[in-house]
Amino acid sequence: MTNREKYNQAFIETLEITADQLGDDLTYQSIEAWDSVGHMQLVSALEDAFDIMMDTDDIIDLSSYPLGIEILKKYDVEFS
């Protein structure tokens, strides 16, 4: 499984969405499931998937699907 697939799977399973909902317009609170509780579940899923511990600032800054990729790159997660 590629890092992109792991990333997408974390969003799909945590937020209970479909793959076609992933994209630039997927942002914090843009869907009902991505509330404060869903956000922490998503962070946990990403940390588990990539075996990392995110800094508090990065957890707060994770406010959209594309921004999450940029944040994970700081933890040496490569996306092709």
N, C-alpha and C. Protein backbone atom coordinates (compact mmCIF):
# COMPACT_ATOMS: atom_id res chain seq x y z
N MET A 1 0.85 -1.18 0.00
CA MET A 1 0.00 0.00 0.00
C MET A 1 0.90 1.24 0.00
N THR A 2 0.61 2.17 -0.89
CA THR A 2 1.41 3.39 -0.96
C THR A 2 1.03 4.33 0.17
N ASN A 3 1.86 5.32 0.42
CA ASN A 3 1.55 6.31 1.45
C ASN A 3 0.28 7.07 1.11
N ARG A 4 0.06 7.36 -0.16
CA ARG A 4 -1.17 8.05 -0.57
C ARG A 4 -2.38 7.17 -0.24
N GLU A 5 -2.27 5.88 -0.51
CA GLU A 5 -3.38 4.98 -0.21
C GLU A 5 -3.63 4.89 1.29
N LYS A 6 -2.58 4.85 2.09
CA LYS A 6 -2.73 4.84 3.55
C LYS A 6 -3.37 6.14 4.02
N TYR A 7 -2.94 7.25 3.44
CA TYR A 7 -3.48 8.56 3.80
C TYR A 7 -4.98 8.60 3.47
N ASN A 8 -5.31 8.21 2.25
CA ASN A 8 -6.72 8.22 1.84
C ASN A 8 -7.56 7.29 2.71
N GLN A 9 -7.02 6.11 3.02
CA GLN A 9 -7.75 5.15 3.84
C GLN A 9 -8.06 5.73 5.23
N ALA A 10 -7.11 6.46 5.79
CA ALA A 10 -7.34 7.07 7.11
C ALA A 10 -8.52 8.03 7.05
N PHE A 11 -8.59 8.86 6.01
CA PHE A 11 -9.70 9.80 5.85
C PHE A 11 -11.02 9.05 5.62
N ILE A 12 -10.99 8.08 4.71
CA ILE A 12 -12.21 7.36 4.34
C ILE A 12 -12.80 6.60 5.53
N GLU A 13 -11.94 5.88 6.26
CA GLU A 13 -12.44 5.09 7.38
C GLU A 13 -12.82 5.94 8.58
N THR A 14 -12.01 6.95 8.88
CA THR A 14 -12.29 7.77 10.06
C THR A 14 -13.51 8.65 9.88
N LEU A 15 -13.60 9.29 8.72
CA LEU A 15 -14.69 10.23 8.48
C LEU A 15 -15.89 9.59 7.80
N GLU A 16 -15.76 8.30 7.49
CA GLU A 16 -16.84 7.54 6.83
C GLU A 16 -17.32 8.25 5.57
N ILE A 17 -16.36 8.48 4.68
CA ILE A 17 -16.66 9.14 3.41
C ILE A 17 -16.23 8.22 2.27
N THR A 18 -16.53 8.61 1.05
CA THR A 18 -16.12 7.84 -0.12
C THR A 18 -14.89 8.49 -0.74
N ALA A 19 -14.20 7.73 -1.56
CA ALA A 19 -12.97 8.22 -2.19
C ALA A 19 -13.21 9.45 -3.05
N ASP A 20 -14.40 9.56 -3.64
CA ASP A 20 -14.66 10.73 -4.49
C ASP A 20 -14.87 12.01 -3.69
N GLN A 21 -14.96 11.91 -2.37
CA GLN A 21 -15.08 13.10 -1.53
C GLN A 21 -13.71 13.66 -1.14
N LEU A 22 -12.64 12.90 -1.41
CA LEU A 22 -11.30 13.37 -1.10
C LEU A 22 -10.89 14.42 -2.12
N GLY A 23 -10.33 15.53 -1.64
CA GLY A 23 -9.88 16.57 -2.55
C GLY A 23 -9.67 17.88 -1.83
N ASP A 24 -9.35 18.89 -2.61
CA ASP A 24 -9.02 20.20 -2.06
C ASP A 24 -10.14 20.83 -1.25
N ASP A 25 -11.39 20.47 -1.57
CA ASP A 25 -12.52 21.09 -0.87
C ASP A 25 -12.90 20.36 0.42
N LEU A 26 -12.18 19.28 0.75
CA LEU A 26 -12.44 18.57 2.00
C LEU A 26 -11.66 19.27 3.11
N THR A 27 -12.40 19.99 3.93
CA THR A 27 -11.78 20.79 4.99
C THR A 27 -12.47 20.52 6.32
N TYR A 28 -11.78 20.91 7.38
CA TYR A 28 -12.32 20.76 8.72
C TYR A 28 -13.69 21.42 8.81
N GLN A 29 -14.66 20.68 9.29
CA GLN A 29 -16.05 21.09 9.47
C GLN A 29 -16.81 21.29 8.16
N SER A 30 -16.22 20.86 7.02
CA SER A 30 -16.96 20.94 5.76
C SER A 30 -17.95 19.78 5.64
N ILE A 31 -17.71 18.73 6.45
CA ILE A 31 -18.65 17.62 6.55
C ILE A 31 -18.92 17.37 8.02
N GLU A 32 -20.06 16.80 8.30
CA GLU A 32 -20.48 16.62 9.69
C GLU A 32 -19.50 15.78 10.50
N ALA A 33 -18.92 14.75 9.89
CA ALA A 33 -18.03 13.84 10.62
C ALA A 33 -16.70 14.48 11.02
N TRP A 34 -16.30 15.54 10.31
CA TRP A 34 -15.02 16.17 10.63
C TRP A 34 -15.24 17.32 11.60
N ASP A 35 -15.68 16.95 12.78
CA ASP A 35 -15.82 17.90 13.88
C ASP A 35 -14.63 17.71 14.80
N SER A 36 -14.66 18.24 15.99
CA SER A 36 -13.49 18.16 16.88
C SER A 36 -13.16 16.72 17.26
N VAL A 37 -14.18 15.90 17.48
CA VAL A 37 -13.94 14.50 17.82
C VAL A 37 -13.40 13.75 16.60
N GLY A 38 -14.02 13.97 15.46
CA GLY A 38 -13.55 13.35 14.22
C GLY A 38 -12.13 13.76 13.89
N HIS A 39 -11.80 15.00 14.22
CA HIS A 39 -10.45 15.50 13.96
C HIS A 39 -9.41 14.71 14.76
N MET A 40 -9.68 14.50 16.03
CA MET A 40 -8.74 13.76 16.86
C MET A 40 -8.67 12.28 16.44
N GLN A 41 -9.77 11.73 16.00
CA GLN A 41 -9.75 10.36 15.49
C GLN A 41 -8.92 10.28 14.21
N LEU A 42 -9.04 11.29 13.36
CA LEU A 42 -8.25 11.34 12.13
C LEU A 42 -6.76 11.46 12.44
N VAL A 43 -6.42 12.32 13.37
CA VAL A 43 -5.02 12.48 13.78
C VAL A 43 -4.48 11.15 14.28
N SER A 44 -5.25 10.47 15.11
CA SER A 44 -4.83 9.17 15.65
C SER A 44 -4.63 8.15 14.52
N ALA A 45 -5.54 8.14 13.57
CA ALA A 45 -5.44 7.20 12.44
C ALA A 45 -4.19 7.50 11.61
N LEU A 46 -3.89 8.77 11.39
CA LEU A 46 -2.70 9.15 10.62
C LEU A 46 -1.43 8.79 11.37
N GLU A 47 -1.44 9.05 12.68
CA GLU A 47 -0.26 8.71 13.49
C GLU A 47 -0.02 7.20 13.47
N ASP A 48 -1.07 6.42 13.56
CA ASP A 48 -0.94 4.97 13.52
C ASP A 48 -0.47 4.49 12.15
N ALA A 49 -1.06 5.04 11.10
CA ALA A 49 -0.75 4.60 9.74
C ALA A 49 0.71 4.86 9.38
N PHE A 50 1.26 5.97 9.88
CA PHE A 50 2.61 6.36 9.49
C PHE A 50 3.62 6.25 10.63
N ASP A 51 3.18 5.70 11.77
CA ASP A 51 4.06 5.48 12.92
C ASP A 51 4.80 6.76 13.32
N ILE A 52 4.02 7.82 13.52
CA ILE A 52 4.57 9.12 13.91
C ILE A 52 3.79 9.67 15.10
N MET A 53 4.33 10.71 15.72
CA MET A 53 3.62 11.49 16.73
C MET A 53 3.63 12.94 16.25
N MET A 54 2.47 13.47 15.96
CA MET A 54 2.39 14.83 15.43
C MET A 54 2.50 15.85 16.57
N ASP A 55 3.15 16.97 16.26
CA ASP A 55 3.24 18.08 17.21
C ASP A 55 1.87 18.72 17.35
N THR A 56 1.64 19.34 18.48
CA THR A 56 0.36 20.01 18.73
C THR A 56 0.04 21.04 17.65
N ASP A 57 1.02 21.82 17.23
CA ASP A 57 0.79 22.83 16.19
C ASP A 57 0.32 22.19 14.88
N ASP A 58 0.91 21.04 14.55
CA ASP A 58 0.52 20.36 13.31
C ASP A 58 -0.88 19.78 13.43
N ILE A 59 -1.24 19.30 14.60
CA ILE A 59 -2.60 18.79 14.82
C ILE A 59 -3.61 19.91 14.62
N ILE A 60 -3.30 21.07 15.15
CA ILE A 60 -4.19 22.22 15.00
C ILE A 60 -4.24 22.69 13.55
N ASP A 61 -3.08 22.67 12.87
CA ASP A 61 -3.01 23.17 11.49
C ASP A 61 -3.63 22.22 10.47
N LEU A 62 -3.85 20.97 10.84
CA LEU A 62 -4.43 19.99 9.91
C LEU A 62 -5.89 20.35 9.66
N SER A 63 -6.11 21.21 8.69
CA SER A 63 -7.45 21.73 8.48
C SER A 63 -8.02 21.40 7.11
N SER A 64 -7.27 20.65 6.30
CA SER A 64 -7.79 20.24 5.00
C SER A 64 -7.06 19.00 4.51
N TYR A 65 -7.66 18.35 3.55
CA TYR A 65 -7.06 17.15 2.96
C TYR A 65 -5.69 17.46 2.35
N PRO A 66 -5.55 18.49 1.51
CA PRO A 66 -4.22 18.75 0.94
C PRO A 66 -3.20 19.23 1.97
N LEU A 67 -3.62 19.98 2.95
CA LEU A 67 -2.69 20.47 3.96
C LEU A 67 -2.13 19.31 4.80
N GLY A 68 -2.92 18.28 4.99
CA GLY A 68 -2.45 17.11 5.71
C GLY A 68 -1.24 16.46 5.05
N ILE A 69 -1.24 16.44 3.74
CA ILE A 69 -0.10 15.88 3.00
C ILE A 69 1.15 16.70 3.28
N GLU A 70 1.02 18.02 3.24
CA GLU A 70 2.17 18.90 3.50
C GLU A 70 2.69 18.71 4.93
N ILE A 71 1.78 18.56 5.87
CA ILE A 71 2.19 18.35 7.27
C ILE A 71 2.93 17.02 7.41
N LEU A 72 2.43 15.97 6.78
CA LEU A 72 3.08 14.67 6.90
C LEU A 72 4.46 14.66 6.27
N LYS A 73 4.67 15.47 5.26
CA LYS A 73 6.00 15.56 4.64
C LYS A 73 7.04 16.03 5.65
N LYS A 74 6.63 16.81 6.63
CA LYS A 74 7.54 17.25 7.68
C LYS A 74 8.05 16.09 8.52
N TYR A 75 7.30 14.99 8.50
CA TYR A 75 7.66 13.80 9.26
C TYR A 75 8.30 12.73 8.34
N ASP A 76 8.82 13.21 7.22
CA ASP A 76 9.51 12.35 6.24
C ASP A 76 8.60 11.30 5.61
N VAL A 77 7.31 11.61 5.52
CA VAL A 77 6.39 10.75 4.79
C VAL A 77 6.41 11.23 3.34
N GLU A 78 6.75 10.33 2.43
CA GLU A 78 6.89 10.71 1.02
C GLU A 78 5.61 10.40 0.24
N PHE A 79 5.21 11.36 -0.57
CA PHE A 79 4.07 11.19 -1.47
C PHE A 79 4.56 11.40 -2.88
N SER A 80 4.19 10.49 -3.78
CA SER A 80 4.63 10.62 -5.17
C SER A 80 3.57 11.27 -6.02
